[in-house]
C-alpha atoms as a PDB file:
ATOM      1  CA  MET A   1      -0.136   0.082   0.116  1.00  0.00           C
ATOM      2  CA  ARG A   2       2.651   2.413   0.701  1.00  0.00           C
ATOM      3  CA  LYS A   3       3.658   1.924  -3.244  1.00  0.00           C
ATOM      4  CA  ALA A   4       0.030   3.340  -3.680  1.00  0.00           C
ATOM      5  CA  LEU A   5       1.050   6.143  -1.214  1.00  0.00           C
ATOM      6  CA  ALA A   6       4.004   6.961  -3.355  1.00  0.00           C
ATOM      7  CA  GLU A   7       2.170   7.026  -6.572  1.00  0.00           C
ATOM      8  CA  LEU A   8      -0.011   9.139  -5.981  1.00  0.00           C
ATOM      9  CA  THR A   9       2.188  11.595  -3.828  1.00  0.00           C
ATOM     10  CA  HIS A  10       3.810  11.815  -6.713  1.00  0.00           C
ATOM     11  CA  LEU A  11       1.511  13.784  -8.379  1.00  0.00           C
ATOM     12  CA  PHE A  12       1.795  17.086  -6.770  1.00  0.00           C
ATOM     13  CA  GLY A  13       5.189  17.327  -8.171  1.00  0.00           C
ATOM     14  CA  ARG A  14       4.653  15.974 -11.342  1.00  0.00           C
ATOM     15  CA  LEU A  15       1.585  17.448 -12.253  1.00  0.00           C
ATOM     16  CA  ASP A  16       1.952  21.060 -13.936  1.00  0.00           C
ATOM     17  CA  PRO A  17       0.647  23.265 -11.936  1.00  0.00           C
ATOM     18  CA  SER A  18      -0.386  25.739 -14.720  1.00  0.00           C
ATOM     19  CA  HIS A  19      -2.833  22.986 -15.479  1.00  0.00           C
ATOM     20  CA  PRO A  20      -6.441  24.373 -15.267  1.00  0.00           C
ATOM     21  CA  ALA A  21      -7.621  21.211 -13.526  1.00  0.00           C
ATOM     22  CA  THR A  22      -4.471  20.447 -11.815  1.00  0.00           C
ATOM     23  CA  LYS A  23      -5.750  22.305  -8.752  1.00  0.00           C
ATOM     24  CA  THR A  24      -9.037  19.916  -8.332  1.00  0.00           C
ATOM     25  CA  VAL A  25      -7.399  16.960  -9.321  1.00  0.00           C
ATOM     26  CA  LEU A  26      -4.714  17.894  -6.191  1.00  0.00           C
ATOM     27  CA  ARG A  27      -7.256  18.571  -3.489  1.00  0.00           C
ATOM     28  CA  GLU A  28      -9.229  15.148  -4.888  1.00  0.00           C
ATOM     29  CA  ILE A  29      -5.881  13.152  -3.871  1.00  0.00           C
ATOM     30  CA  ARG A  30      -5.494  15.642  -0.811  1.00  0.00           C
ATOM     31  CA  ARG A  31      -8.916  14.169   0.829  1.00  0.00           C
ATOM     32  CA  THR A  32      -8.452  10.866  -1.035  1.00  0.00           C
ATOM     33  CA  LEU A  33      -4.983  10.854   1.309  1.00  0.00           C
ATOM     34  CA  GLU A  34      -6.422  12.212   4.469  1.00  0.00           C
ATOM     35  CA  ASP A  35      -9.066   9.331   4.151  1.00  0.00           C
ATOM     36  CA  ILE A  36      -6.575   6.686   4.536  1.00  0.00           C
ATOM     37  CA  GLN A  37      -6.315   4.975   7.639  1.00  0.00           C
ATOM     38  CA  GLY A  38      -2.564   4.462   9.201  1.00  0.00           C
ATOM     39  CA  HIS A  39      -3.226   1.061   9.612  1.00  0.00           C
ATOM     40  CA  ARG A  40      -3.808   0.149   6.508  1.00  0.00           C
ATOM     41  CA  LEU A  41      -0.486   1.082   5.018  1.00  0.00           C
ATOM     42  CA  PHE A  42       1.473  -1.955   4.839  1.00  0.00           C
ATOM     43  CA  SER A  43       5.531  -1.496   3.369  1.00  0.00           C
ATOM     44  CA  PRO A  44       6.441  -5.142   0.855  1.00  0.00           C
ATOM     45  CA  SER A  45       8.348  -7.638   2.874  1.00  0.00           C
ATOM     46  CA  GLU A  46      11.793  -7.971   2.394  1.00  0.00           C
ATOM     47  CA  THR A  47      11.182 -11.447   0.468  1.00  0.00           C
ATOM     48  CA  ALA A  48       7.950  -9.507  -1.757  1.00  0.00           C
ATOM     49  CA  MET A  49      11.110  -6.921  -2.386  1.00  0.00           C
ATOM     50  CA  GLY A  50      13.253  -9.759  -3.527  1.00  0.00           C
ATOM     51  CA  GLU A  51      11.086 -11.752  -5.823  1.00  0.00           C
ATOM     52  CA  ALA A  52      10.215  -8.430  -7.126  1.00  0.00           C
ATOM     53  CA  GLY A  53      13.610  -7.969  -8.633  1.00  0.00           C
ATOM     54  CA  MET A  54      13.377 -11.351  -9.838  1.00  0.00           C
ATOM     55  CA  LEU A  55      10.168 -10.937 -11.140  1.00  0.00           C
ATOM     56  CA  ALA A  56      10.600  -7.626 -12.789  1.00  0.00           C
ATOM     57  CA  GLY A  57      13.985  -8.904 -14.618  1.00  0.00           C
ATOM     58  CA  LEU A  58      12.275 -11.857 -15.996  1.00  0.00           C
ATOM     59  CA  VAL A  59       9.543 -10.155 -17.726  1.00  0.00           C
ATOM     60  CA  THR A  60      12.026  -7.147 -18.962  1.00  0.00           C
ATOM     61  CA  ARG A  61      14.474  -9.896 -20.295  1.00  0.00           C
ATOM     62  CA  LEU A  62      11.150 -11.712 -22.018  1.00  0.00           C
ATOM     63  CA  SER A  63       9.412  -8.746 -23.221  1.00  0.00           C
ATOM     64  CA  GLY A  64      12.364  -7.096 -24.312  1.00  0.00           C
ATOM     65  CA  ALA A  65      11.206  -3.556 -22.981  1.00  0.00           C
ATOM     66  CA  ALA A  66      13.264  -1.532 -20.277  1.00  0.00           C
ATOM     67  CA  ARG A  67      10.874  -0.195 -17.635  1.00  0.00           C
ATOM     68  CA  GLY A  68      13.185  -0.181 -15.094  1.00  0.00           C
ATOM     69  CA  GLU A  69      11.571   1.487 -11.530  1.00  0.00           C
ATOM     70  CA  SER A  70       8.016   1.508 -12.874  1.00  0.00           C
ATOM     71  CA  LEU A  71       8.413  -2.729 -13.115  1.00  0.00           C
ATOM     72  CA  LEU A  72      10.108  -3.127 -10.267  1.00  0.00           C
ATOM     73  CA  ASN A  73       7.330  -0.877  -8.218  1.00  0.00           C
ATOM     74  CA  ASP A  74       4.163  -2.899 -10.380  1.00  0.00           C
ATOM     75  CA  ALA A  75       6.230  -6.249  -9.073  1.00  0.00           C
ATOM     76  CA  SER A  76       6.652  -5.309  -5.691  1.00  0.00           C
ATOM     77  CA  LEU A  77       3.080  -4.350  -5.218  1.00  0.00           C
ATOM     78  CA  TYR A  78       1.948  -7.937  -7.533  1.00  0.00           C
ATOM     79  CA  LEU A  79       3.592  -9.589  -4.846  1.00  0.00           C
ATOM     80  CA  GLN A  80       2.796  -7.299  -1.709  1.00  0.00           C
ATOM     81  CA  ALA A  81      -0.535  -7.882  -2.821  1.00  0.00           C
ATOM     82  CA  LEU A  82      -0.343 -12.007  -3.154  1.00  0.00           C
ATOM     83  CA  GLU A  83       1.243 -12.118   0.245  1.00  0.00           C
ATOM     84  CA  ARG A  84      -2.017 -10.398   2.196  1.00  0.00           C
ATOM     85  CA  GLY A  85      -4.895 -12.366  -0.016  1.00  0.00           C
ATOM     86  CA  TRP A  86      -5.339  -8.710  -1.726  1.00  0.00           C
ATOM     87  CA  ILE A  87      -7.021  -8.120  -5.150  1.00  0.00           C
ATOM     88  CA  VAL A  88      -4.677  -5.588  -7.257  1.00  0.00           C
ATOM     89  CA  LEU A  89      -6.834  -3.032  -9.620  1.00  0.00           C
ATOM     90  CA  THR A  90      -5.287  -1.142 -12.330  1.00  0.00           C
ATOM     91  CA  ARG A  91      -5.488  -0.219 -15.751  1.00  0.00           C
ATOM     92  CA  ASN A  92      -2.067  -1.373 -16.193  1.00  0.00           C
ATOM     93  CA  VAL A  93      -2.526  -4.366 -18.463  1.00  0.00           C
ATOM     94  CA  ARG A  94       0.754  -4.472 -20.145  1.00  0.00           C
ATOM     95  CA  ASP A  95       2.973  -5.420 -17.028  1.00  0.00           C
ATOM     96  CA  PHE A  96       0.590  -7.216 -15.015  1.00  0.00           C
ATOM     97  CA  ASP A  97      -0.361  -9.571 -17.137  1.00  0.00           C
ATOM     98  CA  TYR A  98       2.885 -10.143 -17.701  1.00  0.00           C
ATOM     99  CA  PHE A  99       3.030 -11.079 -13.875  1.00  0.00           C
ATOM    100  CA  ASP A 100      -0.313 -12.737 -13.425  1.00  0.00           C
ATOM    101  CA  GLN A 101       0.748 -15.004 -16.334  1.00  0.00           C
ATOM    102  CA  LEU A 102       4.468 -15.639 -15.060  1.00  0.00           C
ATOM    103  CA  LEU A 103       2.421 -16.218 -11.577  1.00  0.00           C
ATOM    104  CA  PRO A 104      -0.999 -17.370 -12.019  1.00  0.00           C
ATOM    105  CA  VAL A 105      -1.821 -17.309  -8.318  1.00  0.00           C
ATOM    106  CA  GLY A 106      -2.154 -13.922  -7.718  1.00  0.00           C
ATOM    107  CA  ARG A 107      -5.359 -11.648  -8.499  1.00  0.00           C
ATOM    108  CA  VAL A 108      -5.107  -8.680 -10.555  1.00  0.00           C
ATOM    109  CA  LEU A 109      -8.656  -6.923 -11.862  1.00  0.00           C
ATOM    110  CA  PHE A 110      -8.312  -4.910 -14.920  1.00  0.00           C
ATOM    111  CA  TYR A 111     -10.733  -1.985 -15.247  1.00  0.00           C
ATOM    112  CA  GLU A 112     -10.710   0.769 -18.964  1.00  0.00           C
ATOM    113  CA  GLN A 113     -10.788   4.284 -18.104  1.00  0.00           C
ATOM    114  CA  GLY A 114     -13.970   5.999 -19.584  1.00  0.00           C
END
């Protein structure tokens, strides 16, 4: 969950402050972050992080595309969810479909942006 938290807070630095929608988007993200209770934040285990490196490396080799840290973060999220019995909700079909094919015991729910 801490990886998801980092992805949300990343937008505070990433979004263009001069874009008309930025203020509204950041307000909604801030509200979402304020609603997250501390006991719901978990860091990936050492095992999940170690295996995430291997999984990300395998996907990089098989797909021929180097996505570096982004792929490693997604792999750690996938494995953390697997350890905790969670379902990953994502629209990132490219990476998570690879994970799911290589390690089909995880649970992933894909969605499309409307």
